[in-house]
Amino acid sequence: MLSWTYFGVNTSIEGTGGQSCVNYITTKRRLLESACVCIIFMYTLHRSYFKLNFDNPRHPIVQTKFRQILLLLHTFVFGIEIGFKLATSTLIWVLNPCHILTILQILLLASSRPSLRTVIFRIHVHMMNGPLLALTFPVLNTRFLPFERVTYFVQHFLIILIPTTFLNQNSEFSVEPIDDFSW
């Protein structure tokens, strides 16, 4: 039914799936690891949720032209990436961490609620190692369409650029104090 989302994945290319990927670990081990991760996640969420500080920022940032331009550019580049995924029937790759990070950043730029922006910003900062690794060690062996590789680099550059332009201790785009491990 959803074969159009993964039909174009070429499993003969190393690292894109296939039978060796499916058989890497047993189903029992997958279920055990998933259960362990879920239990640890729920425990951590329960312990830290009540310690989170959702204070309003001292100086909320208003919607600026620069922020609107970044939102437009980031959405446009992500739309092109989605178009490439649809054209090659590989939409399943939209679940990659950098694409999820892009969606979070678009929500971050578009949101008008300072408390939501603070939560999204602080959570997504912890995922910024992904785009740095993607730019350092790019995986381009599955990108064949014109400008598909350019879009890869532009998207990852934007993912890194956006939080660095908003990092400000006096706004909702601030990181938590160094001794606050609840985030």
C-alpha atoms as a PDB file:
ATOM      1  CA  MET A   1       0.000   0.000   0.000  1.00  0.00           C
ATOM      2  CA  LEU A   2       2.812   2.441   0.813  1.00  0.00           C
ATOM      3  CA  SER A   3       5.311   0.918  -1.591  1.00  0.00           C
ATOM      4  CA  TRP A   4       5.595   4.251  -3.428  1.00  0.00           C
ATOM      5  CA  THR A   5       7.489   5.595  -0.393  1.00  0.00           C
ATOM      6  CA  TYR A   6      10.317   3.052  -0.628  1.00  0.00           C
ATOM      7  CA  PHE A   7      10.040   1.464  -4.096  1.00  0.00           C
ATOM      8  CA  GLY A   8      12.964   3.511  -5.449  1.00  0.00           C
ATOM      9  CA  VAL A   9      15.439   2.487  -2.738  1.00  0.00           C
ATOM     10  CA  ASN A  10      18.273   0.647  -4.487  1.00  0.00           C
ATOM     11  CA  THR A  11      19.260  -2.040  -1.995  1.00  0.00           C
ATOM     12  CA  SER A  12      22.238  -3.113  -4.101  1.00  0.00           C
ATOM     13  CA  ILE A  13      24.067   0.059  -3.017  1.00  0.00           C
ATOM     14  CA  GLU A  14      25.987  -0.448   0.217  1.00  0.00           C
ATOM     15  CA  GLY A  15      24.293   1.166   3.207  1.00  0.00           C
ATOM     16  CA  THR A  16      20.794   1.592   1.767  1.00  0.00           C
ATOM     17  CA  GLY A  17      19.151  -1.501   3.213  1.00  0.00           C
ATOM     18  CA  GLY A  18      18.477  -4.878   1.720  1.00  0.00           C
ATOM     19  CA  GLN A  19      18.390  -8.371   3.131  1.00  0.00           C
ATOM     20  CA  SER A  20      21.676  -7.996   5.021  1.00  0.00           C
ATOM     21  CA  CYS A  21      20.184  -5.007   6.856  1.00  0.00           C
ATOM     22  CA  VAL A  22      16.962  -6.866   7.671  1.00  0.00           C
ATOM     23  CA  ASN A  23      18.871  -9.886   8.971  1.00  0.00           C
ATOM     24  CA  TYR A  24      21.417  -7.864  10.956  1.00  0.00           C
ATOM     25  CA  ILE A  25      19.736  -8.684  14.289  1.00  0.00           C
ATOM     26  CA  THR A  26      16.921 -11.044  15.179  1.00  0.00           C
ATOM     27  CA  THR A  27      13.344  -9.926  15.759  1.00  0.00           C
ATOM     28  CA  LYS A  28      13.608 -10.954  19.403  1.00  0.00           C
ATOM     29  CA  ARG A  29      16.680  -8.748  19.876  1.00  0.00           C
ATOM     30  CA  ARG A  30      14.949  -5.828  18.105  1.00  0.00           C
ATOM     31  CA  LEU A  31      11.954  -6.106  20.430  1.00  0.00           C
ATOM     32  CA  LEU A  32      14.188  -6.383  23.502  1.00  0.00           C
ATOM     33  CA  GLU A  33      16.261  -3.341  22.519  1.00  0.00           C
ATOM     34  CA  SER A  34      13.121  -1.341  21.673  1.00  0.00           C
ATOM     35  CA  ALA A  35      11.552  -2.208  25.033  1.00  0.00           C
ATOM     36  CA  CYS A  36      14.727  -1.221  26.899  1.00  0.00           C
ATOM     37  CA  VAL A  37      14.985   2.104  25.077  1.00  0.00           C
ATOM     38  CA  CYS A  38      11.287   2.867  25.674  1.00  0.00           C
ATOM     39  CA  ILE A  39      11.572   2.086  29.391  1.00  0.00           C
ATOM     40  CA  ILE A  40      14.691   4.229  29.786  1.00  0.00           C
ATOM     41  CA  PHE A  41      13.074   7.056  27.801  1.00  0.00           C
ATOM     42  CA  MET A  42       9.878   6.997  29.881  1.00  0.00           C
ATOM     43  CA  TYR A  43      11.887   6.949  33.124  1.00  0.00           C
ATOM     44  CA  THR A  44      14.043   9.876  31.974  1.00  0.00           C
ATOM     45  CA  LEU A  45      11.011  11.824  30.767  1.00  0.00           C
ATOM     46  CA  HIS A  46       9.204  11.276  34.064  1.00  0.00           C
ATOM     47  CA  ARG A  47      12.244  12.326  36.131  1.00  0.00           C
ATOM     48  CA  SER A  48      13.092  15.442  34.141  1.00  0.00           C
ATOM     49  CA  TYR A  49       9.669  16.831  33.158  1.00  0.00           C
ATOM     50  CA  PHE A  50       8.903  18.343  36.543  1.00  0.00           C
ATOM     51  CA  LYS A  51      12.336  19.962  36.711  1.00  0.00           C
ATOM     52  CA  LEU A  52      12.043  21.755  33.372  1.00  0.00           C
ATOM     53  CA  ASN A  53      11.921  25.529  33.523  1.00  0.00           C
ATOM     54  CA  PHE A  54       9.503  27.104  31.039  1.00  0.00           C
ATOM     55  CA  ASP A  55      10.011  30.700  32.170  1.00  0.00           C
ATOM     56  CA  ASN A  56       9.139  33.410  29.710  1.00  0.00           C
ATOM     57  CA  PRO A  57      12.171  34.996  28.075  1.00  0.00           C
ATOM     58  CA  ARG A  58      13.394  38.347  29.286  1.00  0.00           C
ATOM     59  CA  HIS A  59      13.261  39.939  25.841  1.00  0.00           C
ATOM     60  CA  PRO A  60      11.064  38.070  23.367  1.00  0.00           C
ATOM     61  CA  ILE A  61      12.183  38.259  19.761  1.00  0.00           C
ATOM     62  CA  VAL A  62       9.723  39.712  17.286  1.00  0.00           C
ATOM     63  CA  GLN A  63       9.269  38.320  13.804  1.00  0.00           C
ATOM     64  CA  THR A  64      11.981  40.025  11.754  1.00  0.00           C
ATOM     65  CA  LYS A  65      12.520  40.132   8.001  1.00  0.00           C
ATOM     66  CA  PHE A  66      15.697  38.094   8.405  1.00  0.00           C
ATOM     67  CA  ARG A  67      13.794  35.382  10.235  1.00  0.00           C
ATOM     68  CA  GLN A  68      11.061  35.378   7.588  1.00  0.00           C
ATOM     69  CA  ILE A  69      13.661  35.075   4.830  1.00  0.00           C
ATOM     70  CA  LEU A  70      15.322  32.156   6.656  1.00  0.00           C
ATOM     71  CA  LEU A  71      11.923  30.486   7.083  1.00  0.00           C
ATOM     72  CA  LEU A  72      11.127  30.929   3.391  1.00  0.00           C
ATOM     73  CA  LEU A  73      14.545  29.684   2.271  1.00  0.00           C
ATOM     74  CA  HIS A  74      14.571  26.690   4.623  1.00  0.00           C
ATOM     75  CA  THR A  75      11.036  25.686   3.619  1.00  0.00           C
ATOM     76  CA  PHE A  76      11.875  26.086  -0.071  1.00  0.00           C
ATOM     77  CA  VAL A  77      15.021  23.925   0.170  1.00  0.00           C
ATOM     78  CA  PHE A  78      13.167  21.279   2.190  1.00  0.00           C
ATOM     79  CA  GLY A  79      10.356  21.310  -0.388  1.00  0.00           C
ATOM     80  CA  ILE A  80      12.908  20.666  -3.141  1.00  0.00           C
ATOM     81  CA  GLU A  81      14.336  17.782  -1.086  1.00  0.00           C
ATOM     82  CA  ILE A  82      10.835  16.307  -0.664  1.00  0.00           C
ATOM     83  CA  GLY A  83      10.345  16.694  -4.417  1.00  0.00           C
ATOM     84  CA  PHE A  84      13.527  14.706  -5.056  1.00  0.00           C
ATOM     85  CA  LYS A  85      12.341  11.996  -2.661  1.00  0.00           C
ATOM     86  CA  LEU A  86       8.955  11.809  -4.391  1.00  0.00           C
ATOM     87  CA  ALA A  87      10.551  11.769  -7.859  1.00  0.00           C
ATOM     88  CA  THR A  88      12.808   8.843  -6.945  1.00  0.00           C
ATOM     89  CA  SER A  89      10.219   6.968  -4.807  1.00  0.00           C
ATOM     90  CA  THR A  90      12.460   7.181  -1.750  1.00  0.00           C
ATOM     91  CA  LEU A  91      10.204   9.192   0.558  1.00  0.00           C
ATOM     92  CA  ILE A  92      11.097   6.802   3.385  1.00  0.00           C
ATOM     93  CA  TRP A  93      14.383   8.720   3.769  1.00  0.00           C
ATOM     94  CA  VAL A  94      12.418  11.771   4.990  1.00  0.00           C
ATOM     95  CA  LEU A  95      12.528  10.033   8.380  1.00  0.00           C
ATOM     96  CA  ASN A  96      16.298  10.632   8.552  1.00  0.00           C
ATOM     97  CA  PRO A  97      17.356  12.712  11.580  1.00  0.00           C
ATOM     98  CA  CYS A  98      18.446  15.733   9.532  1.00  0.00           C
ATOM     99  CA  HIS A  99      15.035  15.914   7.851  1.00  0.00           C
ATOM    100  CA  ILE A 100      13.324  15.735  11.247  1.00  0.00           C
ATOM    101  CA  LEU A 101      15.684  18.479  12.422  1.00  0.00           C
ATOM    102  CA  THR A 102      14.690  20.572   9.403  1.00  0.00           C
ATOM    103  CA  ILE A 103      10.997  20.152  10.267  1.00  0.00           C
ATOM    104  CA  LEU A 104      11.726  21.214  13.863  1.00  0.00           C
ATOM    105  CA  GLN A 105      13.592  24.292  12.634  1.00  0.00           C
ATOM    106  CA  ILE A 106      10.762  25.270  10.287  1.00  0.00           C
ATOM    107  CA  LEU A 107       8.375  24.968  13.229  1.00  0.00           C
ATOM    108  CA  LEU A 108      10.831  26.963  15.341  1.00  0.00           C
ATOM    109  CA  LEU A 109      10.967  29.774  12.786  1.00  0.00           C
ATOM    110  CA  ALA A 110       7.207  29.812  12.170  1.00  0.00           C
ATOM    111  CA  SER A 111       5.989  29.560  15.762  1.00  0.00           C
ATOM    112  CA  SER A 112       4.748  32.657  17.552  1.00  0.00           C
ATOM    113  CA  ARG A 113       4.779  31.116  21.057  1.00  0.00           C
ATOM    114  CA  PRO A 114       8.011  31.929  22.947  1.00  0.00           C
ATOM    115  CA  SER A 115       7.706  28.949  25.304  1.00  0.00           C
ATOM    116  CA  LEU A 116       7.314  26.507  22.381  1.00  0.00           C
ATOM    117  CA  ARG A 117      10.299  28.067  20.634  1.00  0.00           C
ATOM    118  CA  THR A 118      12.388  27.671  23.789  1.00  0.00           C
ATOM    119  CA  VAL A 119      11.503  23.976  24.092  1.00  0.00           C
ATOM    120  CA  ILE A 120      12.133  23.233  20.404  1.00  0.00           C
ATOM    121  CA  PHE A 121      15.370  25.228  20.366  1.00  0.00           C
ATOM    122  CA  ARG A 122      16.808  23.543  23.451  1.00  0.00           C
ATOM    123  CA  ILE A 123      15.885  20.050  22.282  1.00  0.00           C
ATOM    124  CA  HIS A 124      17.138  20.516  18.740  1.00  0.00           C
ATOM    125  CA  VAL A 125      20.502  21.950  19.838  1.00  0.00           C
ATOM    126  CA  HIS A 126      21.360  18.490  21.174  1.00  0.00           C
ATOM    127  CA  MET A 127      20.872  17.037  17.678  1.00  0.00           C
ATOM    128  CA  MET A 128      23.258  19.408  15.889  1.00  0.00           C
ATOM    129  CA  ASN A 129      26.067  16.867  15.644  1.00  0.00           C
ATOM    130  CA  GLY A 130      24.156  15.143  12.807  1.00  0.00           C
ATOM    131  CA  PRO A 131      24.426  17.931  10.214  1.00  0.00           C
ATOM    132  CA  LEU A 132      28.072  18.514  11.123  1.00  0.00           C
ATOM    133  CA  LEU A 133      28.818  14.841  10.504  1.00  0.00           C
ATOM    134  CA  ALA A 134      26.753  14.904   7.293  1.00  0.00           C
ATOM    135  CA  LEU A 135      28.821  17.808   5.959  1.00  0.00           C
ATOM    136  CA  THR A 136      32.091  16.254   7.102  1.00  0.00           C
ATOM    137  CA  PHE A 137      31.336  12.776   5.728  1.00  0.00           C
ATOM    138  CA  PRO A 138      28.677  13.263   3.014  1.00  0.00           C
ATOM    139  CA  VAL A 139      26.830  10.208   1.706  1.00  0.00           C
ATOM    140  CA  LEU A 140      26.098  11.066  -1.913  1.00  0.00           C
ATOM    141  CA  ASN A 141      26.162   7.668  -3.636  1.00  0.00           C
ATOM    142  CA  THR A 142      22.343   7.577  -3.891  1.00  0.00           C
ATOM    143  CA  ARG A 143      21.876  11.091  -5.303  1.00  0.00           C
ATOM    144  CA  PHE A 144      21.706  11.041  -9.084  1.00  0.00           C
ATOM    145  CA  LEU A 145      19.278  13.808 -10.099  1.00  0.00           C
ATOM    146  CA  PRO A 146      20.539  17.244 -11.194  1.00  0.00           C
ATOM    147  CA  PHE A 147      21.129  19.580  -8.211  1.00  0.00           C
ATOM    148  CA  GLU A 148      20.296  16.809  -5.733  1.00  0.00           C
ATOM    149  CA  ARG A 149      23.799  16.962  -4.276  1.00  0.00           C
ATOM    150  CA  VAL A 150      23.712  20.761  -4.122  1.00  0.00           C
ATOM    151  CA  THR A 151      20.424  20.592  -2.205  1.00  0.00           C
ATOM    152  CA  TYR A 152      22.054  18.168   0.243  1.00  0.00           C
ATOM    153  CA  PHE A 153      24.802  20.644   1.111  1.00  0.00           C
ATOM    154  CA  VAL A 154      22.523  23.706   1.172  1.00  0.00           C
ATOM    155  CA  GLN A 155      20.051  21.963   3.493  1.00  0.00           C
ATOM    156  CA  HIS A 156      22.740  20.843   5.942  1.00  0.00           C
ATOM    157  CA  PHE A 157      24.394  24.265   5.876  1.00  0.00           C
ATOM    158  CA  LEU A 158      21.029  25.895   6.703  1.00  0.00           C
ATOM    159  CA  ILE A 159      20.469  23.436   9.553  1.00  0.00           C
ATOM    160  CA  ILE A 160      23.732  24.644  11.114  1.00  0.00           C
ATOM    161  CA  LEU A 161      23.223  28.324  10.246  1.00  0.00           C
ATOM    162  CA  ILE A 162      19.773  28.750  11.798  1.00  0.00           C
ATOM    163  CA  PRO A 163      20.580  28.043  15.471  1.00  0.00           C
ATOM    164  CA  THR A 164      23.827  30.017  15.307  1.00  0.00           C
ATOM    165  CA  THR A 165      21.965  33.120  14.108  1.00  0.00           C
ATOM    166  CA  PHE A 166      19.496  32.969  16.998  1.00  0.00           C
ATOM    167  CA  LEU A 167      21.733  31.902  19.858  1.00  0.00           C
ATOM    168  CA  ASN A 168      21.218  34.681  22.368  1.00  0.00           C
ATOM    169  CA  GLN A 169      21.097  34.402  26.136  1.00  0.00           C
ATOM    170  CA  ASN A 170      18.508  37.206  26.437  1.00  0.00           C
ATOM    171  CA  SER A 171      15.795  35.598  24.340  1.00  0.00           C
ATOM    172  CA  GLU A 172      13.751  32.435  23.990  1.00  0.00           C
ATOM    173  CA  PHE A 173      16.601  31.125  21.833  1.00  0.00           C
ATOM    174  CA  SER A 174      18.839  30.440  24.782  1.00  0.00           C
ATOM    175  CA  VAL A 175      20.440  27.289  26.018  1.00  0.00           C
ATOM    176  CA  GLU A 176      19.912  26.046  29.545  1.00  0.00           C
ATOM    177  CA  PRO A 177      22.452  26.792  32.275  1.00  0.00           C
ATOM    178  CA  ILE A 178      25.436  24.456  32.393  1.00  0.00           C
ATOM    179  CA  ASP A 179      24.310  22.881  35.676  1.00  0.00           C
ATOM    180  CA  ASP A 180      20.748  22.191  34.465  1.00  0.00           C
ATOM    181  CA  PHE A 181      20.636  18.573  33.295  1.00  0.00           C
ATOM    182  CA  SER A 182      16.837  18.417  33.026  1.00  0.00           C
ATOM    183  CA  TRP A 183      16.865  19.405  29.360  1.00  0.00           C
END
